[in-house]
Amino acid sequence: AFELLSLLPRSNDIARSTRPAPLAPNRSSPVTRSVAMEHLGVKVMKQFKGHGIFHGRVTDFDRESGFRVIYEDGDTEDLKREALLTLLEKTAKLQKEIDRKAKPKAAAAEEGDWSHAI
């Protein structure tokens, strides 16, 4: 018979574990060098009403001005950590929407019906 207690760690296992459990990111905590490095080079997308979606990349970090994003049209934007994390969440949603719209076109192209792929 399966025993639930066998899944619980023994006291010896806990004592041997010296590595602390990772903490969930705190949006308001100060940005450390390692946190800044994780975001450098990350691609983002931002939808500007009336102008469409622009692609950009996080290129720099400054403690005073925050994360620098350079967009494909050459515009730049400096974002604090909270704003960058919000932009990354919106980027993920935009990418899912783009992928969702692309699936029917890709399926039509594979079947030889190119009228839907244009």
C-alpha atoms as a PDB file:
ATOM      1  CA  ALA A   1       0.000   0.000   0.000  1.00  0.00           C
ATOM      2  CA  PHE A   2       1.174   3.505  -0.793  1.00  0.00           C
ATOM      3  CA  GLU A   3       1.937   5.615   2.267  1.00  0.00           C
ATOM      4  CA  LEU A   4       1.781   9.397   2.167  1.00  0.00           C
ATOM      5  CA  LEU A   5       4.342   9.587   4.960  1.00  0.00           C
ATOM      6  CA  SER A   6       7.001   8.202   2.629  1.00  0.00           C
ATOM      7  CA  LEU A   7       6.837  11.495   0.686  1.00  0.00           C
ATOM      8  CA  LEU A   8       7.710  13.614   3.712  1.00  0.00           C
ATOM      9  CA  PRO A   9      11.413  14.434   4.178  1.00  0.00           C
ATOM     10  CA  ARG A  10      13.194  12.763   7.049  1.00  0.00           C
ATOM     11  CA  SER A  11      14.834  15.040   9.610  1.00  0.00           C
ATOM     12  CA  ASN A  12      18.291  13.987   8.315  1.00  0.00           C
ATOM     13  CA  ASP A  13      17.376  15.181   4.804  1.00  0.00           C
ATOM     14  CA  ILE A  14      16.317  18.576   6.103  1.00  0.00           C
ATOM     15  CA  ALA A  15      19.494  19.011   8.130  1.00  0.00           C
ATOM     16  CA  ARG A  16      21.682  18.163   5.107  1.00  0.00           C
ATOM     17  CA  SER A  17      19.987  20.717   2.898  1.00  0.00           C
ATOM     18  CA  THR A  18      22.042  23.891   3.163  1.00  0.00           C
ATOM     19  CA  ARG A  19      20.522  25.756   0.236  1.00  0.00           C
ATOM     20  CA  PRO A  20      17.621  28.073   1.122  1.00  0.00           C
ATOM     21  CA  ALA A  21      14.422  27.797  -0.879  1.00  0.00           C
ATOM     22  CA  PRO A  22      14.237  30.359  -3.706  1.00  0.00           C
ATOM     23  CA  LEU A  23      12.041  33.331  -2.945  1.00  0.00           C
ATOM     24  CA  ALA A  24       9.413  34.612  -5.317  1.00  0.00           C
ATOM     25  CA  PRO A  25      10.511  37.862  -6.984  1.00  0.00           C
ATOM     26  CA  ASN A  26       9.420  40.910  -5.078  1.00  0.00           C
ATOM     27  CA  ARG A  27       8.500  43.690  -7.503  1.00  0.00           C
ATOM     28  CA  SER A  28       9.331  46.406  -5.010  1.00  0.00           C
ATOM     29  CA  SER A  29      12.680  45.060  -3.813  1.00  0.00           C
ATOM     30  CA  PRO A  30      15.843  46.896  -4.902  1.00  0.00           C
ATOM     31  CA  VAL A  31      17.295  45.770  -8.217  1.00  0.00           C
ATOM     32  CA  THR A  32      20.508  43.860  -7.670  1.00  0.00           C
ATOM     33  CA  ARG A  33      23.177  43.405 -10.305  1.00  0.00           C
ATOM     34  CA  SER A  34      22.079  39.785 -10.911  1.00  0.00           C
ATOM     35  CA  VAL A  35      18.434  40.842 -11.355  1.00  0.00           C
ATOM     36  CA  ALA A  36      19.478  43.576 -13.784  1.00  0.00           C
ATOM     37  CA  MET A  37      21.631  41.106 -15.753  1.00  0.00           C
ATOM     38  CA  GLU A  38      18.670  38.703 -16.077  1.00  0.00           C
ATOM     39  CA  HIS A  39      16.692  41.363 -17.938  1.00  0.00           C
ATOM     40  CA  LEU A  40      19.415  42.707 -20.222  1.00  0.00           C
ATOM     41  CA  GLY A  41      18.873  41.543 -23.791  1.00  0.00           C
ATOM     42  CA  VAL A  42      15.263  40.514 -23.197  1.00  0.00           C
ATOM     43  CA  LYS A  43      12.942  41.232 -26.122  1.00  0.00           C
ATOM     44  CA  VAL A  44       9.728  43.136 -25.502  1.00  0.00           C
ATOM     45  CA  MET A  45       6.687  44.201 -27.495  1.00  0.00           C
ATOM     46  CA  LYS A  46       4.585  47.242 -26.795  1.00  0.00           C
ATOM     47  CA  GLN A  47       1.349  48.233 -28.448  1.00  0.00           C
ATOM     48  CA  PHE A  48       0.986  51.943 -29.081  1.00  0.00           C
ATOM     49  CA  LYS A  49      -2.586  52.959 -29.873  1.00  0.00           C
ATOM     50  CA  GLY A  50      -2.897  54.173 -33.422  1.00  0.00           C
ATOM     51  CA  HIS A  51       0.628  53.022 -34.298  1.00  0.00           C
ATOM     52  CA  GLY A  52       0.634  49.247 -33.812  1.00  0.00           C
ATOM     53  CA  ILE A  53       3.031  46.913 -32.057  1.00  0.00           C
ATOM     54  CA  PHE A  54       6.694  47.825 -31.729  1.00  0.00           C
ATOM     55  CA  HIS A  55       9.455  45.382 -30.863  1.00  0.00           C
ATOM     56  CA  GLY A  56      12.226  46.398 -28.536  1.00  0.00           C
ATOM     57  CA  ARG A  57      15.032  45.081 -26.379  1.00  0.00           C
ATOM     58  CA  VAL A  58      16.246  45.842 -22.860  1.00  0.00           C
ATOM     59  CA  THR A  59      19.733  47.206 -23.466  1.00  0.00           C
ATOM     60  CA  ASP A  60      20.922  48.842 -20.263  1.00  0.00           C
ATOM     61  CA  PHE A  61      20.265  49.401 -16.585  1.00  0.00           C
ATOM     62  CA  ASP A  62      20.932  52.441 -14.448  1.00  0.00           C
ATOM     63  CA  ARG A  63      20.004  52.633 -10.760  1.00  0.00           C
ATOM     64  CA  GLU A  64      18.536  56.123 -11.213  1.00  0.00           C
ATOM     65  CA  SER A  65      16.670  55.835 -14.519  1.00  0.00           C
ATOM     66  CA  GLY A  66      15.943  52.098 -14.547  1.00  0.00           C
ATOM     67  CA  PHE A  67      15.956  49.726 -17.515  1.00  0.00           C
ATOM     68  CA  ARG A  68      16.545  51.219 -20.972  1.00  0.00           C
ATOM     69  CA  VAL A  69      14.431  49.767 -23.783  1.00  0.00           C
ATOM     70  CA  ILE A  70      15.280  50.582 -27.390  1.00  0.00           C
ATOM     71  CA  TYR A  71      12.476  50.014 -29.902  1.00  0.00           C
ATOM     72  CA  GLU A  72      12.849  49.079 -33.568  1.00  0.00           C
ATOM     73  CA  ASP A  73      12.082  52.631 -34.684  1.00  0.00           C
ATOM     74  CA  GLY A  74      14.938  54.026 -32.575  1.00  0.00           C
ATOM     75  CA  ASP A  75      12.783  55.392 -29.755  1.00  0.00           C
ATOM     76  CA  THR A  76      13.934  54.652 -26.229  1.00  0.00           C
ATOM     77  CA  GLU A  77      12.119  54.304 -22.949  1.00  0.00           C
ATOM     78  CA  ASP A  78      13.447  54.078 -19.395  1.00  0.00           C
ATOM     79  CA  LEU A  79      11.399  51.853 -17.110  1.00  0.00           C
ATOM     80  CA  LYS A  80      11.533  51.145 -13.404  1.00  0.00           C
ATOM     81  CA  ARG A  81      11.418  47.482 -12.398  1.00  0.00           C
ATOM     82  CA  GLU A  82       7.651  47.431 -11.798  1.00  0.00           C
ATOM     83  CA  ALA A  83       6.963  48.951 -15.229  1.00  0.00           C
ATOM     84  CA  LEU A  84       9.381  46.527 -16.918  1.00  0.00           C
ATOM     85  CA  LEU A  85       7.733  43.511 -15.273  1.00  0.00           C
ATOM     86  CA  THR A  86       4.332  44.788 -16.408  1.00  0.00           C
ATOM     87  CA  LEU A  87       5.688  45.237 -19.943  1.00  0.00           C
ATOM     88  CA  LEU A  88       7.063  41.679 -19.900  1.00  0.00           C
ATOM     89  CA  GLU A  89       3.642  40.346 -18.864  1.00  0.00           C
ATOM     90  CA  LYS A  90       1.973  42.316 -21.669  1.00  0.00           C
ATOM     91  CA  THR A  91       4.633  41.072 -24.110  1.00  0.00           C
ATOM     92  CA  ALA A  92       3.790  37.469 -23.208  1.00  0.00           C
ATOM     93  CA  LYS A  93       0.073  38.149 -23.792  1.00  0.00           C
ATOM     94  CA  LEU A  94       0.758  39.825 -27.146  1.00  0.00           C
ATOM     95  CA  GLN A  95       2.968  36.924 -28.216  1.00  0.00           C
ATOM     96  CA  LYS A  96       0.254  34.392 -27.318  1.00  0.00           C
ATOM     97  CA  GLU A  97      -2.260  36.381 -29.355  1.00  0.00           C
ATOM     98  CA  ILE A  98       0.116  36.548 -32.326  1.00  0.00           C
ATOM     99  CA  ASP A  99       0.783  32.803 -32.069  1.00  0.00           C
ATOM    100  CA  ARG A 100      -2.947  32.063 -31.811  1.00  0.00           C
ATOM    101  CA  LYS A 101      -3.649  34.061 -34.968  1.00  0.00           C
ATOM    102  CA  ALA A 102      -0.733  32.464 -36.829  1.00  0.00           C
ATOM    103  CA  LYS A 103      -1.845  28.858 -36.249  1.00  0.00           C
ATOM    104  CA  PRO A 104      -4.800  28.879 -38.689  1.00  0.00           C
ATOM    105  CA  LYS A 105      -2.637  30.541 -41.350  1.00  0.00           C
ATOM    106  CA  ALA A 106       0.128  27.980 -40.897  1.00  0.00           C
ATOM    107  CA  ALA A 107      -2.363  25.096 -41.036  1.00  0.00           C
ATOM    108  CA  ALA A 108      -3.908  26.496 -44.225  1.00  0.00           C
ATOM    109  CA  ALA A 109      -0.481  26.877 -45.818  1.00  0.00           C
ATOM    110  CA  GLU A 110       0.439  23.270 -44.972  1.00  0.00           C
ATOM    111  CA  GLU A 111      -2.766  22.056 -46.628  1.00  0.00           C
ATOM    112  CA  GLY A 112      -1.997  24.037 -49.774  1.00  0.00           C
ATOM    113  CA  ASP A 113      -4.710  26.651 -49.251  1.00  0.00           C
ATOM    114  CA  TRP A 114      -2.638  29.788 -49.581  1.00  0.00           C
ATOM    115  CA  SER A 115      -5.611  32.172 -49.719  1.00  0.00           C
ATOM    116  CA  HIS A 116      -5.773  32.172 -45.877  1.00  0.00           C
ATOM    117  CA  ALA A 117      -2.030  32.661 -45.465  1.00  0.00           C
ATOM    118  CA  ILE A 118      -1.923  36.088 -47.076  1.00  0.00           C
END
